[in-house]
Amino acid sequence: MIKNHWKLTILKDLCDPSDGVQIGPFGSQLHASDYVETGIPVVMPKNMVNNEISSASIACISEETANLLSKHRLITGDLVFARRGDVGNFSLVQPHQEGWLCGTGSIRVRLKPDIHPEFISLLLQSHKVRHWLQSNAVGQTMLNLNTEIISNLPLRVTDSFETQIALANDIQKWDRAIALAEELIVAKRCLKQGLMQKLLTGQRRFSEFLHTDWISCSLGDLGKCHSGGTPDTKELLYWNGDIQWCTPTDITALKTPFISSTSKSISELGLAKSSAEILPINSVIVCTRATLGYCAVNTVPMATNQGFKSLIPNENVDTMFLYYLVLSLKREMQRRASGSTFMEISKKLFQKIPVRLPSQIDEQKRIAGTLLSLDKHIDCLRQTLDLLKLQKRGVMQKLLTGEIRIPILDDA
């Protein structure tokens, strides 16, 4: 059994006493003219993404310039904090990033050899740490950190190096599960995108429909088109009204094709004084202003504001097929849109968009069912991902406070 104690300390006491906390070079030391296309990467706050250093669009300096700023060179296990702006944001330096430079706007922290960097990285991810840094940062226009604030960051740690490693390794299992779920979601989205392109253009057909025709027409031929409206006064909108009132924000926030509730609703009186109409269930609601091309299928009657055009499908048109067809027309809508303040496509141009679709509604349903199955699978994966992240936070809170212990560990 490994004996370990937990204690409250400050970050400075965990750092290398000779070179613990170092602010990045000032503008007078590193000029805009020093940056080159290829060379030694310079880690700025914008490069700190999900506690990792992102090399996407990272700035570089020459080896010669980096050598002149040698005290700012990074080694494996260093922690790099954002000094201004999103304070509390940080990244852990990995082996392949050794030798990179801590940039302007960043602070580098170097730990003692007997402190495990990944364990400290886990502690720094807690909401309490971020809240403490934001509360103690200085500045009114933009929050700023300095070496004194970073040095005095309070942390509760175990003094056993073996315990630190064990805790970090245990929580990394959750990170691997989260990464796998994220990879699966990306893969499924790519699969869906490819299938949409082929199935909705007839490039790929189901064998039982190979001898049936596809027809060409305009989007407006597929259903009755409605424009959204505006209530007479803002006072007519109620949080607990009778009819769901749909705005673009409600649509863009959706994670599934269906919308059943909105952030606001409207009373019968408000609707009576509005140019909007109640859309029946299974209408395809389409954003045609600003956030062009976002769409959804309503599962309850609702009305929309003027940022929408909605289609009530004809009897020979499957609702979900129409939804995916409209979803595939986003670029075409953007091409036909116009406007100075924001881009918008008119009802006339919206209805004239040319489309092709199967003449048989059974084929439409087969295509829509395939894409809907993928959407449901993606949604299940997304829920799994959210659950994994929630479980990780809970496990971290308990493990890193000693509330629960790994079996090999024994608090003295």
Protein backbone atom coordinates (compact mmCIF):
# COMPACT_ATOMS: atom_id res chain seq x y z
CA MET A 1 0.00 0.00 0.00
CA ILE A 2 1.17 3.53 -0.82
CA LYS A 3 1.09 5.98 2.09
CA ASN A 4 0.14 9.52 1.07
CA HIS A 5 -0.94 12.76 2.65
CA TRP A 6 -3.02 15.59 1.20
CA LYS A 7 -2.12 19.17 1.99
CA LEU A 8 -3.11 22.69 0.99
CA THR A 9 -0.27 24.58 -0.66
CA ILE A 10 0.35 27.22 -3.34
CA LEU A 11 1.66 26.66 -6.85
CA LYS A 12 4.94 28.44 -6.10
CA ASP A 13 5.88 25.76 -3.54
CA LEU A 14 5.46 23.08 -6.22
CA CYS A 15 7.73 24.85 -8.68
CA ASP A 16 11.40 24.64 -9.46
CA PRO A 17 12.92 27.08 -6.91
CA SER A 18 15.46 28.44 -9.41
CA ASP A 19 13.24 28.78 -12.48
CA GLY A 20 9.63 28.24 -11.44
CA VAL A 21 7.41 30.98 -12.86
CA GLN A 22 8.45 33.00 -15.90
CA ILE A 23 6.43 35.57 -17.80
CA GLY A 24 6.70 35.50 -21.60
CA PRO A 25 8.86 38.02 -23.51
CA PHE A 26 7.58 41.59 -23.74
CA GLY A 27 6.86 43.28 -27.05
CA SER A 28 10.16 45.09 -26.86
CA GLN A 29 11.94 41.71 -26.87
CA LEU A 30 9.88 40.03 -29.57
CA HIS A 31 8.82 42.21 -32.51
CA ALA A 32 6.33 41.55 -35.30
CA SER A 33 9.26 41.53 -37.74
CA ASP A 34 10.77 38.55 -35.87
CA TYR A 35 8.04 36.16 -36.99
CA VAL A 36 8.75 33.85 -39.92
CA GLU A 37 6.74 31.24 -41.85
CA THR A 38 8.64 28.23 -40.51
CA GLY A 39 10.84 27.90 -37.44
CA ILE A 40 10.38 27.62 -33.68
CA PRO A 41 6.66 27.77 -32.68
CA VAL A 42 5.66 30.49 -30.21
CA VAL A 43 2.85 29.57 -27.79
CA MET A 44 0.28 32.36 -27.45
CA PRO A 45 -3.02 32.24 -25.51
CA LYS A 46 -4.91 31.56 -28.76
CA ASN A 47 -2.89 28.33 -29.18
CA MET A 48 -4.17 26.89 -25.88
CA VAL A 49 -7.10 24.64 -26.78
CA ASN A 50 -8.64 22.11 -24.37
CA ASN A 51 -5.52 22.21 -22.17
CA GLU A 52 -3.33 21.30 -25.14
CA ILE A 53 -1.13 23.40 -27.42
CA SER A 54 -2.69 23.61 -30.87
CA SER A 55 -0.22 24.03 -33.72
CA ALA A 56 -2.93 25.31 -36.07
CA SER A 57 -1.94 28.80 -37.26
CA ILE A 58 0.81 28.99 -34.63
CA ALA A 59 3.36 31.77 -35.13
CA CYS A 60 7.06 30.94 -35.53
CA ILE A 61 10.42 32.65 -35.06
CA SER A 62 13.88 31.72 -36.29
CA GLU A 63 16.22 29.47 -34.29
CA GLU A 64 18.56 32.44 -33.89
CA THR A 65 15.84 34.62 -32.34
CA ALA A 66 14.71 31.75 -30.11
CA ASN A 67 18.27 31.31 -28.80
CA LEU A 68 18.36 34.98 -27.82
CA LEU A 69 15.22 34.31 -25.74
CA SER A 70 16.47 31.01 -24.33
CA LYS A 71 14.98 31.54 -20.85
CA HIS A 72 11.56 31.39 -22.49
CA ARG A 73 12.16 28.00 -24.19
CA LEU A 74 9.79 25.27 -23.03
CA ILE A 75 10.57 21.76 -21.82
CA THR A 76 8.35 18.69 -21.46
CA GLY A 77 6.01 19.04 -18.48
CA ASP A 78 5.97 22.84 -18.43
CA LEU A 79 2.58 24.49 -17.92
CA VAL A 80 1.79 27.53 -20.06
CA PHE A 81 -0.95 29.89 -18.84
CA ALA A 82 -2.83 32.60 -20.72
CA ARG A 83 -1.71 35.83 -19.06
CA ARG A 84 -4.58 37.95 -20.33
CA GLY A 85 -8.07 37.57 -21.72
CA ASP A 86 -9.27 34.03 -20.98
CA VAL A 87 -7.40 33.69 -17.71
CA GLY A 88 -7.48 30.17 -16.36
CA ASN A 89 -6.76 28.79 -19.82
CA PHE A 90 -3.57 26.72 -19.87
CA SER A 91 -1.75 23.94 -21.72
CA LEU A 92 0.66 21.17 -20.77
CA VAL A 93 3.84 20.95 -22.90
CA GLN A 94 4.26 17.53 -24.55
CA PRO A 95 7.62 15.90 -25.50
CA HIS A 96 7.34 16.85 -29.20
CA GLN A 97 6.84 20.51 -28.17
CA GLU A 98 10.08 20.75 -26.19
CA GLY A 99 12.14 23.72 -27.35
CA TRP A 100 9.12 25.79 -28.38
CA LEU A 101 8.88 29.31 -26.98
CA CYS A 102 6.56 30.75 -24.34
CA GLY A 103 5.13 33.75 -26.18
CA THR A 104 4.01 37.23 -25.32
CA GLY A 105 0.77 37.08 -23.38
CA SER A 106 1.70 33.77 -21.71
CA ILE A 107 3.25 32.65 -18.42
CA ARG A 108 5.39 29.53 -18.10
CA VAL A 109 5.35 27.38 -14.94
CA ARG A 110 8.08 24.75 -14.34
CA LEU A 111 7.47 22.18 -11.60
CA LYS A 112 9.85 20.37 -9.26
CA PRO A 113 11.08 16.94 -10.44
CA ASP A 114 9.01 15.18 -7.76
CA ILE A 115 5.73 16.79 -8.88
CA HIS A 116 3.90 14.99 -11.67
CA PRO A 117 2.87 17.58 -14.35
CA GLU A 118 -0.19 15.65 -15.54
CA PHE A 119 -1.48 15.45 -11.96
CA ILE A 120 -1.16 19.24 -11.58
CA SER A 121 -2.78 19.65 -15.00
CA LEU A 122 -5.81 17.77 -13.69
CA LEU A 123 -6.03 20.01 -10.62
CA LEU A 124 -5.89 23.10 -12.83
CA GLN A 125 -8.92 21.95 -14.83
CA SER A 126 -11.28 22.37 -11.89
CA HIS A 127 -13.87 25.15 -11.88
CA LYS A 128 -12.58 26.31 -8.49
CA VAL A 129 -9.13 27.01 -9.93
CA ARG A 130 -10.53 28.91 -12.92
CA HIS A 131 -12.84 30.91 -10.62
CA TRP A 132 -9.92 31.76 -8.28
CA LEU A 133 -7.77 32.98 -11.17
CA GLN A 134 -10.58 35.08 -12.62
CA SER A 135 -11.40 36.53 -9.21
CA ASN A 136 -7.78 37.45 -8.49
CA ALA A 137 -6.86 38.73 -11.94
CA VAL A 138 -6.33 42.46 -12.34
CA GLY A 139 -7.58 44.89 -14.95
CA GLN A 140 -10.93 46.40 -15.90
CA THR A 141 -10.97 46.33 -19.71
CA MET A 142 -9.22 42.95 -19.90
CA LEU A 143 -8.35 40.55 -17.09
CA ASN A 144 -4.60 40.03 -16.58
CA LEU A 145 -2.49 37.63 -14.55
CA ASN A 146 1.07 38.15 -13.34
CA THR A 147 3.72 35.91 -11.79
CA GLU A 148 2.65 36.82 -8.25
CA ILE A 149 -0.97 35.81 -8.82
CA ILE A 150 0.00 32.53 -10.52
CA SER A 151 2.53 31.77 -7.77
CA ASN A 152 -0.10 32.15 -5.05
CA LEU A 153 -2.69 29.89 -6.68
CA PRO A 154 -3.93 27.57 -3.87
CA LEU A 155 -3.97 23.83 -4.63
CA ARG A 156 -4.70 20.75 -2.55
CA VAL A 157 -2.15 18.07 -3.45
CA THR A 158 -0.82 14.72 -2.30
CA ASP A 159 2.89 14.55 -1.44
CA SER A 160 3.26 11.05 -2.87
CA PHE A 161 4.66 11.02 -6.41
CA GLU A 162 3.34 7.48 -6.90
CA THR A 163 -0.15 8.62 -5.91
CA GLN A 164 0.03 11.54 -8.32
CA ILE A 165 0.93 9.17 -11.18
CA ALA A 166 -1.81 6.70 -10.22
CA LEU A 167 -4.47 9.41 -10.06
CA ALA A 168 -3.40 10.92 -13.39
CA ASN A 169 -3.40 7.50 -15.07
CA ASP A 170 -6.85 6.67 -13.71
CA ILE A 171 -8.42 9.89 -14.96
CA GLN A 172 -6.67 9.54 -18.32
CA LYS A 173 -8.82 6.46 -18.92
CA TRP A 174 -11.79 8.81 -19.06
CA ASP A 175 -9.90 11.08 -21.45
CA ARG A 176 -9.28 8.15 -23.80
CA ALA A 177 -12.97 7.18 -23.69
CA ILE A 178 -13.96 10.79 -24.39
CA ALA A 179 -11.49 11.03 -27.29
CA LEU A 180 -12.86 7.80 -28.78
CA ALA A 181 -16.45 9.07 -28.55
CA GLU A 182 -15.42 12.34 -30.24
CA GLU A 183 -13.67 10.42 -33.04
CA LEU A 184 -16.76 8.26 -33.59
CA ILE A 185 -18.99 11.34 -33.81
CA VAL A 186 -16.70 12.92 -36.43
CA ALA A 187 -16.60 9.66 -38.42
CA LYS A 188 -20.40 9.29 -38.35
CA ARG A 189 -20.88 12.90 -39.42
CA CYS A 190 -18.54 12.39 -42.36
CA LEU A 191 -20.42 9.21 -43.31
CA LYS A 192 -23.75 11.04 -43.13
CA GLN A 193 -22.43 13.94 -45.22
CA GLY A 194 -21.20 11.58 -47.92
CA LEU A 195 -24.44 9.59 -47.97
CA MET A 196 -26.54 12.76 -48.14
CA GLN A 197 -24.65 13.94 -51.18
CA LYS A 198 -25.12 10.62 -52.99
CA LEU A 199 -28.62 9.65 -51.87
CA LEU A 200 -30.18 13.07 -52.40
CA THR A 201 -28.80 13.38 -55.94
CA GLY A 202 -29.58 9.85 -57.10
CA GLN A 203 -25.90 8.92 -57.44
CA ARG A 204 -26.62 6.03 -55.08
CA ARG A 205 -29.89 4.12 -55.31
CA PHE A 206 -31.51 1.30 -53.38
CA SER A 207 -31.85 -1.81 -55.55
CA GLU A 208 -35.63 -2.05 -55.27
CA PHE A 209 -36.04 1.44 -56.76
CA LEU A 210 -33.55 1.24 -59.65
CA HIS A 211 -36.35 1.21 -62.24
CA THR A 212 -38.31 4.14 -60.83
CA ASP A 213 -37.88 7.73 -62.07
CA TRP A 214 -36.64 10.90 -60.46
CA ILE A 215 -38.35 14.17 -61.30
CA SER A 216 -37.06 17.74 -61.59
CA CYS A 217 -39.04 20.64 -60.17
CA SER A 218 -38.75 23.70 -57.94
CA LEU A 219 -38.66 23.66 -54.14
CA GLY A 220 -41.98 25.52 -54.02
CA ASP A 221 -43.65 22.67 -55.94
CA LEU A 222 -43.09 20.30 -53.01
CA GLY A 223 -45.36 22.01 -50.52
CA LYS A 224 -47.21 25.12 -49.43
CA CYS A 225 -44.75 27.86 -48.48
CA HIS A 226 -45.34 30.18 -45.50
CA SER A 227 -43.37 33.27 -44.46
CA GLY A 228 -42.84 34.02 -40.78
CA GLY A 229 -44.32 37.10 -39.18
CA THR A 230 -43.92 39.60 -36.35
CA PRO A 231 -46.19 40.13 -33.30
CA ASP A 232 -47.80 43.55 -33.04
CA THR A 233 -45.87 44.42 -29.87
CA LYS A 234 -43.22 42.75 -27.74
CA GLU A 235 -45.69 42.65 -24.88
CA LEU A 236 -47.67 40.01 -26.76
CA LEU A 237 -44.88 37.45 -26.32
CA TYR A 238 -45.28 35.29 -23.22
CA TRP A 239 -43.00 32.71 -21.63
CA ASN A 240 -46.07 30.57 -20.89
CA GLY A 241 -48.23 31.40 -23.85
CA ASP A 242 -50.42 29.09 -25.88
CA ILE A 243 -48.35 28.59 -29.06
CA GLN A 244 -44.61 27.92 -29.48
CA TRP A 245 -42.86 30.92 -31.09
CA CYS A 246 -39.82 29.88 -33.13
CA THR A 247 -36.77 32.11 -33.68
CA PRO A 248 -33.49 31.28 -35.50
CA THR A 249 -31.74 30.78 -32.16
CA ASP A 250 -34.10 27.91 -31.37
CA ILE A 251 -33.20 26.19 -34.65
CA THR A 252 -29.43 26.71 -34.61
CA ALA A 253 -29.23 25.30 -31.07
CA LEU A 254 -30.89 22.01 -32.08
CA LYS A 255 -28.95 18.75 -31.99
CA THR A 256 -31.64 16.67 -33.72
CA PRO A 257 -33.88 17.32 -36.77
CA PHE A 258 -36.94 17.87 -34.56
CA ILE A 259 -38.15 20.89 -32.60
CA SER A 260 -40.83 20.49 -29.93
CA SER A 261 -40.29 23.54 -27.72
CA THR A 262 -38.87 27.04 -28.00
CA SER A 263 -37.51 29.69 -25.64
CA LYS A 264 -40.71 31.71 -25.97
CA SER A 265 -44.35 31.21 -26.82
CA ILE A 266 -47.10 33.50 -28.02
CA SER A 267 -50.67 33.95 -26.85
CA GLU A 268 -53.66 33.55 -29.15
CA LEU A 269 -54.15 37.31 -28.89
CA GLY A 270 -50.55 37.95 -29.91
CA LEU A 271 -50.89 35.62 -32.89
CA ALA A 272 -54.11 37.29 -33.95
CA LYS A 273 -52.25 40.60 -34.21
CA SER A 274 -49.34 39.02 -36.06
CA SER A 275 -48.74 38.25 -39.73
CA ALA A 276 -47.53 34.78 -38.70
CA GLU A 277 -49.63 31.65 -39.12
CA ILE A 278 -49.76 28.46 -37.09
CA LEU A 279 -47.78 25.75 -38.83
CA PRO A 280 -49.18 22.22 -38.55
CA ILE A 281 -47.10 19.35 -37.19
CA ASN A 282 -44.46 18.00 -39.61
CA SER A 283 -43.79 21.26 -41.41
CA VAL A 284 -40.20 21.94 -42.50
CA ILE A 285 -39.10 25.21 -40.90
CA VAL A 286 -36.16 26.87 -42.69
CA CYS A 287 -33.95 29.79 -41.62
CA THR A 288 -33.82 32.13 -44.62
CA ARG A 289 -32.25 35.15 -42.95
CA ALA A 290 -28.70 35.45 -41.53
CA THR A 291 -28.32 31.79 -40.44
CA LEU A 292 -29.34 30.54 -43.88
CA GLY A 293 -30.12 26.87 -44.39
CA TYR A 294 -30.65 25.72 -40.80
CA CYS A 295 -33.91 23.82 -40.62
CA ALA A 296 -36.07 21.58 -38.45
CA VAL A 297 -39.31 19.61 -38.40
CA ASN A 298 -41.85 20.74 -35.80
CA THR A 299 -43.51 18.08 -33.66
CA VAL A 300 -46.01 20.54 -32.17
CA PRO A 301 -47.95 23.39 -33.82
CA MET A 302 -45.91 26.59 -33.83
CA ALA A 303 -45.47 29.98 -35.45
CA THR A 304 -42.22 31.57 -36.62
CA ASN A 305 -40.78 35.03 -36.85
CA GLN A 306 -39.86 36.73 -40.10
CA GLY A 307 -36.47 34.99 -40.31
CA PHE A 308 -38.13 31.84 -41.69
CA LYS A 309 -39.84 30.33 -44.68
CA SER A 310 -41.70 27.09 -43.95
CA LEU A 311 -42.90 24.29 -46.20
CA ILE A 312 -45.98 22.16 -45.51
CA PRO A 313 -45.24 19.08 -47.65
CA ASN A 314 -47.64 17.85 -50.33
CA GLU A 315 -49.17 14.40 -49.95
CA ASN A 316 -46.65 12.84 -52.35
CA VAL A 317 -43.65 14.32 -50.50
CA ASP A 318 -42.20 12.72 -47.37
CA THR A 319 -41.57 15.25 -44.61
CA MET A 320 -38.19 13.88 -43.53
CA PHE A 321 -36.98 13.57 -47.12
CA LEU A 322 -37.92 17.23 -47.64
CA TYR A 323 -36.04 18.13 -44.45
CA TYR A 324 -32.80 16.49 -45.64
CA LEU A 325 -33.26 17.88 -49.15
CA VAL A 326 -33.57 21.43 -47.78
CA LEU A 327 -30.59 20.80 -45.51
CA SER A 328 -28.51 19.95 -48.59
CA LEU A 329 -29.45 23.27 -50.25
CA LYS A 330 -27.64 25.53 -47.76
CA ARG A 331 -25.00 26.68 -50.24
CA GLU A 332 -27.59 27.27 -52.94
CA MET A 333 -29.58 29.47 -50.55
CA GLN A 334 -26.45 31.43 -49.68
CA ARG A 335 -25.71 31.91 -53.38
CA ARG A 336 -29.19 33.30 -54.08
CA ALA A 337 -29.38 35.46 -50.93
CA SER A 338 -28.76 39.20 -50.85
CA GLY A 339 -28.68 42.02 -48.32
CA SER A 340 -26.45 44.67 -46.76
CA THR A 341 -27.14 44.29 -43.03
CA PHE A 342 -27.62 40.51 -43.24
CA MET A 343 -28.08 37.99 -46.05
CA GLU A 344 -31.63 36.88 -46.78
CA ILE A 345 -33.35 34.85 -49.48
CA SER A 346 -36.78 36.05 -50.58
CA LYS A 347 -39.82 33.78 -50.66
CA LYS A 348 -39.87 34.00 -54.46
CA LEU A 349 -36.24 32.93 -54.87
CA PHE A 350 -36.59 30.31 -52.13
CA GLN A 351 -39.48 28.66 -53.96
CA LYS A 352 -37.63 28.73 -57.30
CA ILE A 353 -34.62 26.70 -56.13
CA PRO A 354 -34.38 23.72 -58.54
CA VAL A 355 -34.46 20.25 -56.97
CA ARG A 356 -34.62 16.59 -58.00
CA LEU A 357 -36.36 13.86 -56.04
CA PRO A 358 -37.72 10.31 -56.42
CA SER A 359 -41.17 10.13 -57.94
CA GLN A 360 -42.06 7.32 -55.53
CA ILE A 361 -42.68 8.38 -51.92
CA ASP A 362 -41.47 4.96 -50.75
CA GLU A 363 -37.98 5.73 -52.08
CA GLN A 364 -38.10 9.14 -50.41
CA LYS A 365 -38.95 7.46 -47.11
CA ARG A 366 -36.16 4.90 -47.55
CA ILE A 367 -33.59 7.65 -48.13
CA ALA A 368 -34.87 9.75 -45.22
CA GLY A 369 -34.98 6.71 -42.92
CA THR A 370 -31.33 5.90 -43.66
CA LEU A 371 -30.20 9.45 -42.89
CA LEU A 372 -32.44 9.69 -39.82
CA SER A 373 -30.93 6.46 -38.43
CA LEU A 374 -27.48 8.04 -38.73
CA ASP A 375 -28.72 11.21 -37.00
CA LYS A 376 -30.14 9.14 -34.14
CA HIS A 377 -26.87 7.23 -33.83
CA ILE A 378 -24.91 10.49 -33.77
CA ASP A 379 -27.26 11.85 -31.10
CA CYS A 380 -26.72 8.71 -28.97
CA LEU A 381 -22.95 9.12 -29.32
CA ARG A 382 -23.28 12.79 -28.36
CA GLN A 383 -25.27 11.88 -25.26
CA THR A 384 -22.65 9.27 -24.38
CA LEU A 385 -19.93 11.90 -24.79
CA ASP A 386 -21.79 14.36 -22.53
CA LEU A 387 -22.25 11.60 -19.93
CA LEU A 388 -18.55 10.66 -20.05
CA LYS A 389 -17.55 14.30 -19.53
CA LEU A 390 -19.98 14.61 -16.62
CA GLN A 391 -18.70 11.39 -15.05
CA LYS A 392 -15.10 12.51 -15.50
CA ARG A 393 -15.80 15.77 -13.65
CA GLY A 394 -17.42 13.87 -10.82
CA VAL A 395 -14.58 11.34 -10.57
CA MET A 396 -11.97 14.11 -10.69
CA GLN A 397 -13.67 16.01 -7.91
CA LYS A 398 -13.73 12.95 -5.67
CA LEU A 399 -10.29 11.55 -6.52
CA LEU A 400 -8.49 14.87 -6.34
CA THR A 401 -9.94 15.71 -2.94
CA GLY A 402 -9.29 12.29 -1.44
CA GLU A 403 -13.04 11.66 -1.06
CA ILE A 404 -12.60 8.34 -2.90
CA ARG A 405 -9.38 6.42 -3.37
CA ILE A 406 -7.83 4.14 -5.94
CA PRO A 407 -7.56 0.63 -4.40
CA ILE A 408 -3.74 0.68 -4.32
CA LEU A 409 -3.75 3.87 -2.26
CA ASP A 410 -4.10 4.19 1.49
CA ASP A 411 -4.38 7.58 3.16
CA ALA A 412 -2.37 7.70 6.35
